C-alpha atoms as a PDB file:
ATOM      1  CA  MET A   1     179.627 284.360  51.950  1.00  0.00           C
ATOM      2  CA  ALA A   2     176.656 285.717  50.052  1.00  0.00           C
ATOM      3  CA  LYS A   3     173.534 283.612  50.019  1.00  0.00           C
ATOM      4  CA  LYS A   4     172.720 282.221  46.562  1.00  0.00           C
ATOM      5  CA  LYS A   5     169.438 283.386  45.084  1.00  0.00           C
ATOM      6  CA  ILE A   6     166.668 281.346  43.550  1.00  0.00           C
ATOM      7  CA  ASN A   7     165.956 282.783  40.116  1.00  0.00           C
ATOM      8  CA  ASP A   8     163.868 280.011  38.596  1.00  0.00           C
ATOM      9  CA  ILE A   9     162.032 276.817  39.448  1.00  0.00           C
ATOM     10  CA  TYR A  10     164.174 273.696  39.518  1.00  0.00           C
ATOM     11  CA  ALA A  11     162.313 271.628  36.941  1.00  0.00           C
ATOM     12  CA  ASP A  12     164.484 268.548  36.373  1.00  0.00           C
ATOM     13  CA  TYR A  13     163.704 265.416  38.367  1.00  0.00           C
ATOM     14  CA  PHE A  14     166.199 264.463  41.051  1.00  0.00           C
ATOM     15  CA  GLN A  15     166.259 261.456  43.365  1.00  0.00           C
ATOM     16  CA  LYS A  16     164.473 262.547  46.507  1.00  0.00           C
ATOM     17  CA  SER A  17     166.084 259.647  48.372  1.00  0.00           C
ATOM     18  CA  LYS A  18     169.551 260.997  47.572  1.00  0.00           C
ATOM     19  CA  VAL A  19     168.844 264.593  48.558  1.00  0.00           C
ATOM     20  CA  PHE A  20     166.633 264.072  51.603  1.00  0.00           C
ATOM     21  CA  LEU A  21     167.605 260.659  53.057  1.00  0.00           C
ATOM     22  CA  TYR A  22     171.186 259.853  52.064  1.00  0.00           C
ATOM     23  CA  PRO A  23     172.527 262.684  54.297  1.00  0.00           C
ATOM     24  CA  ALA A  24     171.198 260.750  57.336  1.00  0.00           C
ATOM     25  CA  LEU A  25     174.182 258.432  56.880  1.00  0.00           C
ATOM     26  CA  GLY A  26     176.375 261.285  58.124  1.00  0.00           C
ATOM     27  CA  ILE A  27     178.710 261.205  55.142  1.00  0.00           C
ATOM     28  CA  LYS A  28     180.396 264.496  54.297  1.00  0.00           C
ATOM     29  CA  ARG A  29     180.897 265.733  50.756  1.00  0.00           C
ATOM     30  CA  GLY A  30     184.323 266.184  49.285  1.00  0.00           C
ATOM     31  CA  THR A  31     185.271 262.625  48.448  1.00  0.00           C
ATOM     32  CA  SER A  32     185.377 260.932  45.082  1.00  0.00           C
ATOM     33  CA  VAL A  33     183.209 258.167  46.514  1.00  0.00           C
ATOM     34  CA  THR A  34     179.537 258.889  45.932  1.00  0.00           C
ATOM     35  CA  PRO A  35     176.605 256.620  45.196  1.00  0.00           C
ATOM     36  CA  MET A  36     175.753 256.110  41.557  1.00  0.00           C
ATOM     37  CA  GLU A  37     172.151 256.324  42.705  1.00  0.00           C
ATOM     38  CA  THR A  38     169.910 255.833  45.710  1.00  0.00           C
ATOM     39  CA  TYR A  39     166.450 254.287  45.906  1.00  0.00           C
ATOM     40  CA  LEU A  40     163.464 253.912  48.235  1.00  0.00           C
ATOM     41  CA  SER A  41     162.705 250.338  47.144  1.00  0.00           C
ATOM     42  CA  TRP A  42     164.104 247.382  45.218  1.00  0.00           C
ATOM     43  CA  GLY A  43     161.782 245.315  43.034  1.00  0.00           C
ATOM     44  CA  ASP A  44     159.611 242.992  45.114  1.00  0.00           C
ATOM     45  CA  ASP A  45     162.307 242.453  47.767  1.00  0.00           C
ATOM     46  CA  ILE A  46     162.339 245.863  49.454  1.00  0.00           C
ATOM     47  CA  ARG A  47     159.112 247.845  49.564  1.00  0.00           C
ATOM     48  CA  ILE A  48     158.804 251.525  50.376  1.00  0.00           C
ATOM     49  CA  THR A  49     157.104 250.609  53.644  1.00  0.00           C
ATOM     50  CA  ASP A  50     160.263 248.735  54.748  1.00  0.00           C
ATOM     51  CA  ASN A  51     162.098 252.027  55.497  1.00  0.00           C
ATOM     52  CA  LYS A  52     165.268 251.004  53.650  1.00  0.00           C
ATOM     53  CA  LEU A  53     167.612 253.241  51.703  1.00  0.00           C
ATOM     54  CA  VAL A  54     169.108 251.306  48.797  1.00  0.00           C
ATOM     55  CA  CYS A  55     172.406 252.736  47.498  1.00  0.00           C
ATOM     56  CA  VAL A  56     174.305 251.576  44.434  1.00  0.00           C
ATOM     57  CA  PHE A  57     178.040 252.246  44.343  1.00  0.00           C
ATOM     58  CA  HIS A  58     180.661 251.542  41.735  1.00  0.00           C
ATOM     59  CA  VAL A  59     183.098 249.282  43.611  1.00  0.00           C
ATOM     60  CA  ARG A  60     186.760 250.185  43.410  1.00  0.00           C
ATOM     61  CA  ASP A  61     189.856 248.543  44.843  1.00  0.00           C
ATOM     62  CA  ASP A  62     191.781 251.712  45.708  1.00  0.00           C
ATOM     63  CA  SER A  63     192.559 252.697  49.290  1.00  0.00           C
ATOM     64  CA  GLU A  64     190.189 255.687  49.260  1.00  0.00           C
ATOM     65  CA  PHE A  65     187.171 253.512  48.415  1.00  0.00           C
ATOM     66  CA  ILE A  66     188.186 250.712  50.795  1.00  0.00           C
ATOM     67  CA  GLY A  67     188.567 253.176  53.692  1.00  0.00           C
ATOM     68  CA  TYR A  68     185.299 254.908  52.790  1.00  0.00           C
ATOM     69  CA  GLU A  69     183.469 251.597  52.565  1.00  0.00           C
ATOM     70  CA  GLU A  70     184.767 250.405  55.949  1.00  0.00           C
ATOM     71  CA  LYS A  71     183.981 253.667  57.747  1.00  0.00           C
ATOM     72  CA  TYR A  72     180.878 255.075  56.088  1.00  0.00           C
ATOM     73  CA  LEU A  73     179.117 252.117  54.495  1.00  0.00           C
ATOM     74  CA  LEU A  74     179.828 248.823  56.278  1.00  0.00           C
ATOM     75  CA  GLY A  75     180.640 250.646  59.520  1.00  0.00           C
ATOM     76  CA  ASN A  76     177.583 252.893  59.373  1.00  0.00           C
ATOM     77  CA  PRO A  77     175.139 252.425  62.292  1.00  0.00           C
ATOM     78  CA  LEU A  78     172.289 252.211  59.736  1.00  0.00           C
ATOM     79  CA  PHE A  79     174.036 249.586  57.571  1.00  0.00           C
ATOM     80  CA  GLU A  80     172.019 246.398  57.119  1.00  0.00           C
ATOM     81  CA  ASP A  81     173.142 244.448  54.045  1.00  0.00           C
ATOM     82  CA  TYR A  82     175.446 244.335  51.049  1.00  0.00           C
ATOM     83  CA  LEU A  83     175.143 242.587  47.688  1.00  0.00           C
ATOM     84  CA  GLU A  84     177.491 242.633  44.710  1.00  0.00           C
ATOM     85  CA  ILE A  85     175.884 242.991  41.306  1.00  0.00           C
ATOM     86  CA  GLU A  86     177.183 242.960  37.748  1.00  0.00           C
ATOM     87  CA  GLY A  87     179.451 245.629  36.376  1.00  0.00           C
ATOM     88  CA  ASP A  88     181.666 246.089  39.460  1.00  0.00           C
ATOM     89  CA  LYS A  89     178.736 247.543  41.368  1.00  0.00           C
ATOM     90  CA  ALA A  90     177.415 246.837  44.826  1.00  0.00           C
ATOM     91  CA  VAL A  91     174.145 247.541  46.591  1.00  0.00           C
ATOM     92  CA  TYR A  92     174.359 248.753  50.188  1.00  0.00           C
ATOM     93  CA  ILE A  93     171.121 248.653  52.141  1.00  0.00           C
ATOM     94  CA  PHE A  94     170.550 250.887  55.144  1.00  0.00           C
ATOM     95  CA  ASN A  95     167.819 250.452  57.746  1.00  0.00           C
ATOM     96  CA  PHE A  96     165.938 253.709  58.297  1.00  0.00           C
ATOM     97  CA  ASP A  97     163.599 252.501  61.054  1.00  0.00           C
ATOM     98  CA  SER A  98     165.156 255.120  63.342  1.00  0.00           C
ATOM     99  CA  TYR A  99     164.198 257.691  60.679  1.00  0.00           C
ATOM    100  CA  ALA A 100     160.812 256.128  59.895  1.00  0.00           C
ATOM    101  CA  GLU A 101     158.896 259.416  60.194  1.00  0.00           C
ATOM    102  CA  ASP A 102     161.404 261.225  57.982  1.00  0.00           C
ATOM    103  CA  PHE A 103     161.274 258.376  55.454  1.00  0.00           C
ATOM    104  CA  LYS A 104     157.475 258.663  55.395  1.00  0.00           C
ATOM    105  CA  HIS A 105     157.667 262.449  54.958  1.00  0.00           C
ATOM    106  CA  VAL A 106     159.952 262.031  51.928  1.00  0.00           C
ATOM    107  CA  VAL A 107     157.686 259.387  50.374  1.00  0.00           C
ATOM    108  CA  ASN A 108     154.679 261.671  50.934  1.00  0.00           C
ATOM    109  CA  ALA A 109     156.498 264.792  49.634  1.00  0.00           C
ATOM    110  CA  GLU A 110     156.266 266.490  53.046  1.00  0.00           C
ATOM    111  CA  TYR A 111     159.838 267.745  53.041  1.00  0.00           C
ATOM    112  CA  SER A 112     159.133 270.632  55.384  1.00  0.00           C
ATOM    113  CA  LYS A 113     158.087 268.092  58.048  1.00  0.00           C
ATOM    114  CA  ILE A 114     161.473 266.332  58.063  1.00  0.00           C
ATOM    115  CA  SER A 115     163.020 266.342  61.545  1.00  0.00           C
ATOM    116  CA  GLN A 116     165.416 269.129  62.478  1.00  0.00           C
ATOM    117  CA  GLU A 117     168.135 266.507  63.035  1.00  0.00           C
ATOM    118  CA  LEU A 118     167.914 265.342  59.436  1.00  0.00           C
ATOM    119  CA  LYS A 119     167.541 268.912  58.132  1.00  0.00           C
ATOM    120  CA  ASP A 120     170.840 269.701  59.877  1.00  0.00           C
ATOM    121  CA  LYS A 121     172.526 266.704  58.252  1.00  0.00           C
ATOM    122  CA  ILE A 122     171.217 267.775  54.842  1.00  0.00           C
ATOM    123  CA  ARG A 123     172.620 271.268  55.431  1.00  0.00           C
ATOM    124  CA  ASP A 124     175.967 269.836  56.523  1.00  0.00           C
ATOM    125  CA  MET A 125     176.169 267.632  53.441  1.00  0.00           C
ATOM    126  CA  TYR A 126     175.366 270.312  50.873  1.00  0.00           C
ATOM    127  CA  GLY A 127     176.954 273.331  52.527  1.00  0.00           C
ATOM    128  CA  VAL A 128     175.085 276.546  53.180  1.00  0.00           C
ATOM    129  CA  GLY A 129     176.900 278.496  50.458  1.00  0.00           C
ATOM    130  CA  SER A 130     176.060 276.198  47.566  1.00  0.00           C
ATOM    131  CA  ALA A 131     173.431 276.953  44.945  1.00  0.00           C
ATOM    132  CA  ASN A 132     171.989 273.471  45.480  1.00  0.00           C
ATOM    133  CA  TYR A 133     171.493 274.079  49.173  1.00  0.00           C
ATOM    134  CA  THR A 134     169.561 277.284  48.475  1.00  0.00           C
ATOM    135  CA  TYR A 135     167.002 275.233  46.558  1.00  0.00           C
ATOM    136  CA  ILE A 136     167.038 272.453  49.149  1.00  0.00           C
ATOM    137  CA  ARG A 137     166.562 274.970  51.958  1.00  0.00           C
ATOM    138  CA  SER A 138     163.501 276.320  50.149  1.00  0.00           C
ATOM    139  CA  TYR A 139     162.066 272.782  50.168  1.00  0.00           C
ATOM    140  CA  LEU A 140     162.832 272.276  53.869  1.00  0.00           C
ATOM    141  CA  TYR A 141     161.626 275.730  54.984  1.00  0.00           C
ATOM    142  CA  PRO A 142     159.028 276.738  52.365  1.00  0.00           C
ATOM    143  CA  GLU A 143     157.441 279.407  54.553  1.00  0.00           C
ATOM    144  CA  GLU A 144     160.586 281.520  54.040  1.00  0.00           C
ATOM    145  CA  TYR A 145     160.237 281.296  50.244  1.00  0.00           C
ATOM    146  CA  TRP A 146     156.530 281.787  49.381  1.00  0.00           C
ATOM    147  CA  ASP A 147     157.207 285.279  48.011  1.00  0.00           C
ATOM    148  CA  VAL A 148     160.315 284.215  46.069  1.00  0.00           C
ATOM    149  CA  TYR A 149     158.466 281.410  44.284  1.00  0.00           C
ATOM    150  CA  ALA A 150     155.388 283.576  43.711  1.00  0.00           C
ATOM    151  CA  ASP A 151     157.587 286.215  42.022  1.00  0.00           C
ATOM    152  CA  ILE A 152     159.024 283.549  39.715  1.00  0.00           C
ATOM    153  CA  LEU A 153     155.661 281.955  38.908  1.00  0.00           C
ATOM    154  CA  CYS A 154     153.625 285.113  38.321  1.00  0.00           C
ATOM    155  CA  ILE A 155     153.781 286.902  35.009  1.00  0.00           C
ATOM    156  CA  ASP A 156     151.520 289.652  36.298  1.00  0.00           C
ATOM    157  CA  PRO A 157     152.655 291.056  39.689  1.00  0.00           C
ATOM    158  CA  ALA A 158     148.990 291.642  40.535  1.00  0.00           C
ATOM    159  CA  ASP A 159     148.566 287.856  40.756  1.00  0.00           C
ATOM    160  CA  LYS A 160     151.244 287.470  43.429  1.00  0.00           C
ATOM    161  CA  PRO A 161     148.926 287.473  46.486  1.00  0.00           C
ATOM    162  CA  LYS A 162     146.834 284.675  44.942  1.00  0.00           C
ATOM    163  CA  MET A 163     149.968 282.716  44.101  1.00  0.00           C
ATOM    164  CA  VAL A 164     151.323 283.082  47.645  1.00  0.00           C
ATOM    165  CA  ALA A 165     147.974 281.844  48.999  1.00  0.00           C
ATOM    166  CA  LEU A 166     148.052 278.879  46.611  1.00  0.00           C
ATOM    167  CA  LEU A 167     151.629 277.965  47.566  1.00  0.00           C
ATOM    168  CA  LYS A 168     150.738 278.140  51.255  1.00  0.00           C
ATOM    169  CA  GLU A 169     147.726 275.913  50.608  1.00  0.00           C
ATOM    170  CA  VAL A 170     149.902 273.322  48.838  1.00  0.00           C
ATOM    171  CA  GLY A 171     152.437 273.667  51.632  1.00  0.00           C
ATOM    172  CA  GLU A 172     155.499 272.309  49.805  1.00  0.00           C
ATOM    173  CA  LEU A 173     157.766 273.699  47.091  1.00  0.00           C
ATOM    174  CA  CYS A 174     159.308 270.459  45.827  1.00  0.00           C
ATOM    175  CA  SER A 175     157.705 267.832  43.617  1.00  0.00           C
ATOM    176  CA  LYS A 176     156.700 264.381  44.815  1.00  0.00           C
ATOM    177  CA  PRO A 177     159.122 261.507  44.470  1.00  0.00           C
ATOM    178  CA  ASN A 178     158.657 259.505  41.284  1.00  0.00           C
ATOM    179  CA  LEU A 179     158.277 256.071  42.853  1.00  0.00           C
ATOM    180  CA  GLU A 180     159.207 254.370  39.567  1.00  0.00           C
ATOM    181  CA  LYS A 181     162.507 256.235  39.415  1.00  0.00           C
ATOM    182  CA  GLU A 182     163.030 255.673  43.142  1.00  0.00           C
ATOM    183  CA  GLN A 183     162.882 251.891  42.677  1.00  0.00           C
ATOM    184  CA  LEU A 184     165.972 249.836  41.822  1.00  0.00           C
ATOM    185  CA  LYS A 185     164.888 247.493  39.075  1.00  0.00           C
ATOM    186  CA  ILE A 186     167.884 245.221  38.673  1.00  0.00           C
ATOM    187  CA  SER A 187     166.693 241.621  38.798  1.00  0.00           C
ATOM    188  CA  ALA A 188     167.964 238.831  41.004  1.00  0.00           C
ATOM    189  CA  LYS A 189     169.439 237.235  37.854  1.00  0.00           C
ATOM    190  CA  SER A 190     171.982 240.067  37.813  1.00  0.00           C
ATOM    191  CA  LEU A 191     173.343 239.157  41.219  1.00  0.00           C
ATOM    192  CA  LYS A 192     176.799 237.571  41.331  1.00  0.00           C
ATOM    193  CA  LEU A 193     176.588 234.288  43.163  1.00  0.00           C
END
C-alpha cells in the first residue's frame, strides 16, 4: 500500500487526548462504538496532574455496545470509574499512572517523546495506510518530516534551510493541547443520581 503524503498543514484543532492517549486502552478501530469525546480533566474533580483519561460515550443497550463496554471499558486494566450523565451518556475514567510520562508529554506537547509502546498502539489504532496516520506519524517522528513541512511552509524555496532549522529548534510539528477544550465541563448537577 502506498504511503499517504502530507500536502498541507493540518490546521483544525483535534483532541490530543483522543489521538495520543486513547489508543493506550488497546481498543482497535472498526467498531461502531467510539467515544463522543475524550478529555484530560473534568472540572474541579479531575485535574490534569491526576493522570486520568476521561471518556464520554453515548450509552446504548444493543449487544455490540454491551460487549464492548464489558471487554474494553469496564474490563480494561486502566479502568477506574464510571458515571452516568444526562442524555444517555456515560463518563468512563481511566487511570494513566502507568503512562504518567506519556500523559505529561501530551500535556506539554512533546509528542515525539511519547514511549515507543504507546507510539505502537497509536499506529495500531489508526492503521499505517490511513491519511490520518501519516499526519500522526509526522507528530510522533518529526525528524523524518522537517523537509516535508518546510516545503509546505515556505513560499520561497530559498527560505527552506531556515525553515528546517526553525522546525528543528521547535522540535514538534503538532500544536499544543487546548486545555480548555480538553476539559469536560459538565457540572455535578447533570449527574443522574
